[in-house]
Amino acid sequence: MPDRPLFLERASFRRRRLGDAARVLPVLAAALIVIPVWWVPEQASFAGGAVWLFGIWAALIAAIGVLHRALRRADAATLRASRDIAGDDDHAL
């Protein structure tokens, strides 16, 4: 078993899951745009459809902003943890 702290793996795991969420977000947005048009096309009128489209667009922008911030924090935590490990290895020599 490697002699590494557990928090590095957690940080790396969190970074990967956030990356997965960022990859799934466009697919989810496409589904949220298309599915209501398929299910109830009469309710997706011009005005209602425009409100729905811009609502999804605004929510997508907010979600991307939240994911971006979380990914930056996860990257910083992973980098900090790897530097701590590298620093510990230098002291062990």
Protein backbone atom coordinates (compact mmCIF):
# COMPACT_ATOMS: atom_id res chain seq x y z
CA MET A 1 0.00 0.00 0.00
CA PRO A 2 1.48 3.38 -0.93
CA ASP A 3 2.55 5.64 1.87
CA ARG A 4 0.43 8.63 0.81
CA PRO A 5 -2.11 10.66 2.75
CA LEU A 6 -5.74 9.84 2.15
CA PHE A 7 -6.75 13.46 1.41
CA LEU A 8 -4.85 13.47 -1.87
CA GLU A 9 -7.02 10.68 -3.22
CA ARG A 10 -10.14 12.46 -2.00
CA ALA A 11 -9.12 15.68 -3.69
CA SER A 12 -8.34 13.83 -6.89
CA PHE A 13 -11.65 11.94 -6.70
CA ARG A 14 -13.58 15.17 -6.14
CA ARG A 15 -11.79 16.79 -9.10
CA ARG A 16 -12.74 13.88 -11.37
CA ARG A 17 -16.39 13.92 -10.29
CA LEU A 18 -16.61 17.67 -10.86
CA GLY A 19 -15.10 17.17 -14.31
CA ASP A 20 -17.71 14.49 -15.00
CA ALA A 21 -20.45 16.90 -13.94
CA ALA A 22 -19.07 19.52 -16.31
CA ARG A 23 -19.17 16.99 -19.16
CA VAL A 24 -22.77 15.94 -18.41
CA LEU A 25 -24.07 19.50 -18.09
CA PRO A 26 -24.44 20.19 -21.86
CA VAL A 27 -26.31 16.89 -22.34
CA LEU A 28 -28.65 17.76 -19.47
CA ALA A 29 -29.23 21.24 -20.92
CA ALA A 30 -30.04 19.78 -24.34
CA ALA A 31 -32.52 17.37 -22.77
CA LEU A 32 -34.17 20.17 -20.79
CA ILE A 33 -34.56 22.19 -23.97
CA VAL A 34 -35.81 19.40 -26.26
CA ILE A 35 -37.97 17.18 -24.03
CA PRO A 36 -40.71 19.74 -23.24
CA VAL A 37 -41.07 20.42 -26.97
CA TRP A 38 -41.59 16.70 -27.61
CA TRP A 39 -43.97 16.10 -24.71
CA VAL A 40 -46.20 19.17 -24.87
CA PRO A 41 -45.60 21.05 -28.12
CA GLU A 42 -48.79 23.10 -27.75
CA GLN A 43 -47.50 24.58 -24.46
CA ALA A 44 -44.13 25.41 -25.98
CA SER A 45 -45.59 28.42 -27.75
CA PHE A 46 -43.45 31.32 -28.81
CA ALA A 47 -43.67 33.26 -25.53
CA GLY A 48 -43.61 30.24 -23.24
CA GLY A 49 -40.85 28.61 -25.24
CA ALA A 50 -38.76 31.78 -25.13
CA VAL A 51 -39.14 32.06 -21.36
CA TRP A 52 -38.25 28.37 -20.97
CA LEU A 53 -35.23 28.67 -23.28
CA PHE A 54 -33.81 31.75 -21.58
CA GLY A 55 -34.54 30.28 -18.15
CA ILE A 56 -32.54 27.17 -19.04
CA TRP A 57 -29.82 29.36 -20.52
CA ALA A 58 -29.56 31.45 -17.33
CA ALA A 59 -29.56 28.33 -15.13
CA LEU A 60 -26.85 26.81 -17.31
CA ILE A 61 -24.68 29.92 -16.93
CA ALA A 62 -25.12 29.80 -13.15
CA ALA A 63 -24.33 26.07 -13.01
CA ILE A 64 -21.20 26.54 -15.14
CA GLY A 65 -20.06 29.33 -12.82
CA VAL A 66 -20.54 27.15 -9.75
CA LEU A 67 -18.74 24.21 -11.38
CA HIS A 68 -15.90 26.45 -12.51
CA ARG A 69 -15.35 27.77 -9.00
CA ALA A 70 -15.52 24.27 -7.53
CA LEU A 71 -13.05 22.94 -10.12
CA ARG A 72 -10.61 25.75 -9.37
CA ARG A 73 -10.80 24.97 -5.64
CA ALA A 74 -10.36 21.25 -6.29
CA ASP A 75 -7.35 21.91 -8.52
CA ALA A 76 -5.81 24.13 -5.85
CA ALA A 77 -6.41 21.48 -3.17
CA THR A 78 -4.87 18.76 -5.32
CA LEU A 79 -1.85 20.93 -6.11
CA ARG A 80 -1.44 21.89 -2.46
CA ALA A 81 -1.66 18.25 -1.38
CA SER A 82 0.90 17.13 -3.97
CA ARG A 83 3.25 19.91 -2.87
CA ASP A 84 2.84 18.82 0.75
CA ILE A 85 3.71 15.26 -0.23
CA ALA A 86 6.70 16.44 -2.26
CA GLY A 87 7.80 18.56 0.68
CA ASP A 88 7.48 15.60 3.04
CA ASP A 89 9.54 13.45 0.67
CA ASP A 90 12.31 16.06 0.60
CA HIS A 91 12.46 16.03 4.42
CA ALA A 92 12.65 12.23 4.46
CA LEU A 93 15.87 12.24 2.43
